[in-house]
Amino acid sequence: MTVFLMVLAVALLGVVGDVLINQWAKTYELRWWMASVPFWLLMATMFGFVLRQKHYSFSIALIIILLIHSGLVLAWDVLVERAVLTPMQWGGVVAGLLAITLMEVGRK
């Protein structure tokens, strides 16, 4: 598996865990919290595998994962939860995407 696919998997696993915790926060049903735990364990394990590849430094790997994670959570929030962002917040999203691009391009 390429490193970037591993990074994407870490972000996706984190998003699923966060979406499940969001459900728990809304409903107070323990089953949602319990369902999130395996996703977070897999996320942490996969993150360890990303770090073992030594493709990115710890900080760059974490920043890229968090930016992808944030973008996916944002997509969930806007498309499913119907959140509305201000133009300034959308500017922050664009800045985050630019940051991922610059870190990737700057690596070469």
N, C-alpha and C. Protein backbone atom coordinates (compact mmCIF):
# COMPACT_ATOMS: atom_id res chain seq x y z
N MET A 1 0.86 -1.18 0.00
CA MET A 1 0.00 0.00 0.00
C MET A 1 0.90 1.23 0.00
N THR A 2 0.63 2.18 -0.88
CA THR A 2 1.45 3.38 -0.91
C THR A 2 1.23 4.19 0.36
N VAL A 3 2.20 5.00 0.68
CA VAL A 3 2.13 5.80 1.89
C VAL A 3 0.92 6.73 1.87
N PHE A 4 0.65 7.34 0.72
CA PHE A 4 -0.48 8.26 0.69
C PHE A 4 -1.80 7.54 0.91
N LEU A 5 -1.94 6.32 0.41
CA LEU A 5 -3.16 5.55 0.67
C LEU A 5 -3.26 5.20 2.15
N MET A 6 -2.13 4.94 2.78
CA MET A 6 -2.13 4.68 4.21
C MET A 6 -2.56 5.94 4.97
N VAL A 7 -2.05 7.08 4.56
CA VAL A 7 -2.42 8.35 5.18
C VAL A 7 -3.93 8.58 5.02
N LEU A 8 -4.44 8.32 3.84
CA LEU A 8 -5.87 8.46 3.59
C LEU A 8 -6.67 7.51 4.47
N ALA A 9 -6.19 6.28 4.64
CA ALA A 9 -6.87 5.31 5.50
C ALA A 9 -6.90 5.79 6.95
N VAL A 10 -5.80 6.36 7.42
CA VAL A 10 -5.76 6.89 8.79
C VAL A 10 -6.82 7.98 8.95
N ALA A 11 -6.87 8.89 7.99
CA ALA A 11 -7.86 9.97 8.06
C ALA A 11 -9.29 9.43 8.01
N LEU A 12 -9.55 8.48 7.12
CA LEU A 12 -10.90 7.91 7.01
C LEU A 12 -11.33 7.18 8.28
N LEU A 13 -10.42 6.42 8.85
CA LEU A 13 -10.74 5.71 10.10
C LEU A 13 -11.06 6.71 11.21
N GLY A 14 -10.29 7.79 11.27
CA GLY A 14 -10.56 8.82 12.27
C GLY A 14 -11.90 9.49 12.06
N VAL A 15 -12.24 9.73 10.81
CA VAL A 15 -13.53 10.37 10.50
C VAL A 15 -14.68 9.47 10.93
N VAL A 16 -14.60 8.19 10.61
CA VAL A 16 -15.67 7.28 11.02
C VAL A 16 -15.80 7.26 12.53
N GLY A 17 -14.67 7.20 13.25
CA GLY A 17 -14.71 7.24 14.71
C GLY A 17 -15.35 8.53 15.21
N ASP A 18 -15.02 9.65 14.60
CA ASP A 18 -15.58 10.93 15.02
C ASP A 18 -17.07 11.04 14.72
N VAL A 19 -17.49 10.54 13.57
CA VAL A 19 -18.91 10.56 13.23
C VAL A 19 -19.70 9.73 14.24
N LEU A 20 -19.15 8.58 14.62
CA LEU A 20 -19.82 7.74 15.61
C LEU A 20 -19.89 8.43 16.97
N ILE A 21 -18.82 9.12 17.36
CA ILE A 21 -18.83 9.86 18.63
C ILE A 21 -19.84 11.00 18.56
N ASN A 22 -19.97 11.62 17.41
CA ASN A 22 -20.97 12.67 17.25
C ASN A 22 -22.37 12.10 17.49
N GLN A 23 -22.61 10.90 16.97
CA GLN A 23 -23.90 10.26 17.20
C GLN A 23 -24.12 10.00 18.69
N TRP A 24 -23.06 9.55 19.37
CA TRP A 24 -23.14 9.29 20.81
C TRP A 24 -23.46 10.59 21.56
N ALA A 25 -22.80 11.69 21.16
CA ALA A 25 -23.03 12.98 21.82
C ALA A 25 -24.47 13.45 21.65
N LYS A 26 -25.06 13.13 20.50
CA LYS A 26 -26.44 13.53 20.25
C LYS A 26 -27.46 12.66 20.98
N THR A 27 -27.18 11.36 21.07
CA THR A 27 -28.19 10.41 21.56
C THR A 27 -27.94 9.90 22.98
N TYR A 28 -26.72 10.05 23.48
CA TYR A 28 -26.31 9.50 24.77
C TYR A 28 -26.41 7.97 24.81
N GLU A 29 -26.43 7.33 23.65
CA GLU A 29 -26.49 5.87 23.58
C GLU A 29 -25.07 5.32 23.52
N LEU A 30 -24.73 4.48 24.50
CA LEU A 30 -23.38 3.94 24.64
C LEU A 30 -22.94 3.14 23.41
N ARG A 31 -23.87 2.57 22.68
CA ARG A 31 -23.50 1.75 21.52
C ARG A 31 -22.72 2.55 20.48
N TRP A 32 -23.02 3.84 20.36
CA TRP A 32 -22.29 4.66 19.41
C TRP A 32 -20.84 4.86 19.86
N TRP A 33 -20.65 5.07 21.15
CA TRP A 33 -19.30 5.23 21.68
C TRP A 33 -18.51 3.93 21.50
N MET A 34 -19.16 2.82 21.81
CA MET A 34 -18.50 1.50 21.68
C MET A 34 -18.14 1.23 20.21
N ALA A 35 -18.99 1.64 19.30
CA ALA A 35 -18.72 1.41 17.88
C ALA A 35 -17.53 2.23 17.39
N SER A 36 -17.25 3.36 18.05
CA SER A 36 -16.15 4.21 17.61
C SER A 36 -14.78 3.66 18.01
N VAL A 37 -14.71 2.91 19.08
CA VAL A 37 -13.42 2.45 19.62
C VAL A 37 -12.61 1.63 18.61
N PRO A 38 -13.19 0.63 17.94
CA PRO A 38 -12.36 -0.12 16.98
C PRO A 38 -11.79 0.75 15.86
N PHE A 39 -12.53 1.75 15.45
CA PHE A 39 -12.03 2.63 14.39
C PHE A 39 -10.84 3.45 14.87
N TRP A 40 -10.90 3.91 16.11
CA TRP A 40 -9.77 4.68 16.64
C TRP A 40 -8.55 3.79 16.88
N LEU A 41 -8.77 2.56 17.31
CA LEU A 41 -7.64 1.63 17.47
C LEU A 41 -6.98 1.34 16.13
N LEU A 42 -7.80 1.09 15.11
CA LEU A 42 -7.25 0.87 13.77
C LEU A 42 -6.54 2.11 13.25
N MET A 43 -7.11 3.27 13.52
CA MET A 43 -6.49 4.52 13.09
C MET A 43 -5.11 4.68 13.71
N ALA A 44 -5.01 4.47 15.01
CA ALA A 44 -3.73 4.63 15.70
C ALA A 44 -2.70 3.62 15.19
N THR A 45 -3.14 2.40 14.94
CA THR A 45 -2.24 1.37 14.42
C THR A 45 -1.75 1.73 13.02
N MET A 46 -2.67 2.14 12.17
CA MET A 46 -2.30 2.50 10.81
C MET A 46 -1.37 3.73 10.82
N PHE A 47 -1.60 4.66 11.73
CA PHE A 47 -0.72 5.82 11.86
C PHE A 47 0.70 5.36 12.20
N GLY A 48 0.81 4.37 13.07
CA GLY A 48 2.12 3.81 13.39
C GLY A 48 2.80 3.24 12.15
N PHE A 49 2.04 2.56 11.30
CA PHE A 49 2.60 2.02 10.07
C PHE A 49 3.04 3.14 9.12
N VAL A 50 2.28 4.22 9.09
CA VAL A 50 2.69 5.37 8.27
C VAL A 50 4.03 5.90 8.76
N LEU A 51 4.16 6.05 10.07
CA LEU A 51 5.42 6.58 10.62
C LEU A 51 6.59 5.63 10.37
N ARG A 52 6.34 4.33 10.38
CA ARG A 52 7.41 3.36 10.14
C ARG A 52 7.95 3.44 8.72
N GLN A 53 7.14 3.95 7.79
CA GLN A 53 7.59 4.08 6.41
C GLN A 53 8.65 5.17 6.26
N LYS A 54 8.69 6.11 7.21
CA LYS A 54 9.65 7.22 7.20
C LYS A 54 9.59 8.05 5.92
N HIS A 55 8.42 8.07 5.30
CA HIS A 55 8.21 8.87 4.09
C HIS A 55 8.05 10.34 4.47
N TYR A 56 7.34 10.58 5.56
CA TYR A 56 7.13 11.92 6.11
C TYR A 56 7.71 11.96 7.51
N SER A 57 8.10 13.15 7.95
CA SER A 57 8.46 13.30 9.36
C SER A 57 7.17 13.19 10.18
N PHE A 58 7.30 13.00 11.46
CA PHE A 58 6.14 12.86 12.35
C PHE A 58 5.20 14.05 12.20
N SER A 59 5.76 15.27 12.25
CA SER A 59 4.90 16.45 12.20
C SER A 59 4.20 16.60 10.85
N ILE A 60 4.91 16.38 9.76
CA ILE A 60 4.29 16.52 8.44
C ILE A 60 3.22 15.46 8.24
N ALA A 61 3.50 14.22 8.65
CA ALA A 61 2.49 13.15 8.54
C ALA A 61 1.24 13.53 9.31
N LEU A 62 1.42 14.01 10.53
CA LEU A 62 0.28 14.38 11.36
C LEU A 62 -0.50 15.55 10.76
N ILE A 63 0.19 16.55 10.27
CA ILE A 63 -0.49 17.71 9.68
C ILE A 63 -1.29 17.29 8.45
N ILE A 64 -0.69 16.49 7.57
CA ILE A 64 -1.40 16.05 6.38
C ILE A 64 -2.63 15.23 6.75
N ILE A 65 -2.47 14.31 7.69
CA ILE A 65 -3.60 13.48 8.13
C ILE A 65 -4.70 14.35 8.73
N LEU A 66 -4.33 15.29 9.57
CA LEU A 66 -5.33 16.15 10.20
C LEU A 66 -6.05 17.03 9.18
N LEU A 67 -5.34 17.51 8.18
CA LEU A 67 -5.99 18.33 7.15
C LEU A 67 -6.97 17.50 6.33
N ILE A 68 -6.57 16.29 5.94
CA ILE A 68 -7.47 15.41 5.20
C ILE A 68 -8.67 15.03 6.07
N HIS A 69 -8.37 14.68 7.31
CA HIS A 69 -9.42 14.33 8.28
C HIS A 69 -10.42 15.48 8.43
N SER A 70 -9.90 16.68 8.59
CA SER A 70 -10.76 17.86 8.76
C SER A 70 -11.61 18.09 7.52
N GLY A 71 -11.03 17.92 6.35
CA GLY A 71 -11.79 18.09 5.12
C GLY A 71 -12.92 17.07 4.99
N LEU A 72 -12.64 15.84 5.37
CA LEU A 72 -13.67 14.81 5.30
C LEU A 72 -14.77 15.04 6.32
N VAL A 73 -14.39 15.46 7.52
CA VAL A 73 -15.41 15.77 8.54
C VAL A 73 -16.23 16.97 8.08
N LEU A 74 -15.58 17.94 7.47
CA LEU A 74 -16.30 19.10 6.93
C LEU A 74 -17.32 18.66 5.88
N ALA A 75 -16.89 17.78 4.98
CA ALA A 75 -17.81 17.28 3.95
C ALA A 75 -19.01 16.60 4.59
N TRP A 76 -18.77 15.77 5.61
CA TRP A 76 -19.86 15.10 6.33
C TRP A 76 -20.79 16.14 6.95
N ASP A 77 -20.19 17.12 7.61
CA ASP A 77 -20.98 18.13 8.31
C ASP A 77 -21.85 18.94 7.35
N VAL A 78 -21.28 19.31 6.21
CA VAL A 78 -22.01 20.12 5.24
C VAL A 78 -23.06 19.29 4.48
N LEU A 79 -22.66 18.10 4.04
CA LEU A 79 -23.55 17.30 3.20
C LEU A 79 -24.60 16.52 3.99
N VAL A 80 -24.23 16.02 5.16
CA VAL A 80 -25.16 15.18 5.93
C VAL A 80 -25.82 15.95 7.06
N GLU A 81 -25.02 16.68 7.82
CA GLU A 81 -25.55 17.42 8.97
C GLU A 81 -26.12 18.78 8.57
N ARG A 82 -25.88 19.20 7.32
CA ARG A 82 -26.39 20.46 6.79
C ARG A 82 -25.84 21.70 7.50
N ALA A 83 -24.56 21.64 7.89
CA ALA A 83 -23.91 22.81 8.49
C ALA A 83 -23.71 23.87 7.42
N VAL A 84 -23.70 25.12 7.83
CA VAL A 84 -23.47 26.24 6.92
C VAL A 84 -22.21 26.97 7.38
N LEU A 85 -21.25 27.13 6.45
CA LEU A 85 -20.00 27.81 6.77
C LEU A 85 -20.02 29.23 6.21
N THR A 86 -19.33 30.12 6.90
CA THR A 86 -19.19 31.50 6.44
C THR A 86 -18.13 31.55 5.34
N PRO A 87 -18.11 32.63 4.56
CA PRO A 87 -17.05 32.76 3.54
C PRO A 87 -15.64 32.69 4.15
N MET A 88 -15.45 33.24 5.32
CA MET A 88 -14.14 33.18 5.97
C MET A 88 -13.76 31.73 6.30
N GLN A 89 -14.73 30.94 6.75
CA GLN A 89 -14.46 29.53 7.04
C GLN A 89 -14.11 28.77 5.76
N TRP A 90 -14.82 29.07 4.67
CA TRP A 90 -14.47 28.44 3.40
C TRP A 90 -13.06 28.85 2.97
N GLY A 91 -12.66 30.08 3.26
CA GLY A 91 -11.29 30.51 2.99
C GLY A 91 -10.28 29.67 3.75
N GLY A 92 -10.62 29.32 4.98
CA GLY A 92 -9.76 28.44 5.78
C GLY A 92 -9.65 27.05 5.16
N VAL A 93 -10.74 26.57 4.61
CA VAL A 93 -10.73 25.26 3.93
C VAL A 93 -9.78 25.30 2.73
N VAL A 94 -9.88 26.37 1.95
CA VAL A 94 -9.00 26.52 0.80
C VAL A 94 -7.53 26.60 1.26
N ALA A 95 -7.28 27.32 2.33
CA ALA A 95 -5.91 27.42 2.85
C ALA A 95 -5.39 26.04 3.28
N GLY A 96 -6.26 25.23 3.87
CA GLY A 96 -5.87 23.88 4.27
C GLY A 96 -5.51 23.02 3.07
N LEU A 97 -6.31 23.11 2.01
CA LEU A 97 -6.01 22.35 0.80
C LEU A 97 -4.70 22.82 0.17
N LEU A 98 -4.48 24.12 0.20
CA LEU A 98 -3.23 24.66 -0.31
C LEU A 98 -2.05 24.15 0.54
N ALA A 99 -2.25 24.07 1.84
CA ALA A 99 -1.19 23.58 2.73
C ALA A 99 -0.81 22.14 2.38
N ILE A 100 -1.80 21.27 2.15
CA ILE A 100 -1.50 19.88 1.79
C ILE A 100 -0.70 19.86 0.49
N THR A 101 -1.14 20.64 -0.48
CA THR A 101 -0.47 20.67 -1.77
C THR A 101 0.98 21.14 -1.62
N LEU A 102 1.18 22.21 -0.88
CA LEU A 102 2.55 22.75 -0.72
C LEU A 102 3.46 21.78 0.03
N MET A 103 2.92 21.08 1.03
CA MET A 103 3.76 20.11 1.75
C MET A 103 4.14 18.94 0.86
N GLU A 104 3.25 18.50 0.00
CA GLU A 104 3.53 17.41 -0.92
C GLU A 104 4.52 17.84 -1.99
N VAL A 105 4.27 19.00 -2.59
CA VAL A 105 5.16 19.50 -3.64
C VAL A 105 6.53 19.84 -3.06
N GLY A 106 6.57 20.41 -1.88
CA GLY A 106 7.82 20.79 -1.25
C GLY A 106 8.70 19.61 -0.86
N ARG A 107 8.14 18.44 -0.82
CA ARG A 107 8.87 17.23 -0.46
C ARG A 107 9.76 16.75 -1.60
N LYS A 108 9.43 17.12 -2.81
CA LYS A 108 10.15 16.58 -3.99
C LYS A 108 11.36 17.40 -4.36
